[in-house]
Amino acid sequence: MYLKKELYELIKTDESIFDFIQEGPLDGLGYWDLENPENEWMNWL
């Protein structure tokens, strides 16, 4: 769950990430650890 927490912190501190999520039509959201790509967090809306 560290990726979910990391993404939530980014959304709180970087307004452009929040704006991107709000403005685009999304079916879901994926967030990966680029150093360890087997670690991922997905949320289907």
Foldseek 3Di string as FASTA:
>chain_A
DVQVVVVVVCVVVPVVVVVVVVPDDDQKDKDADVVDRVDIDIDGD
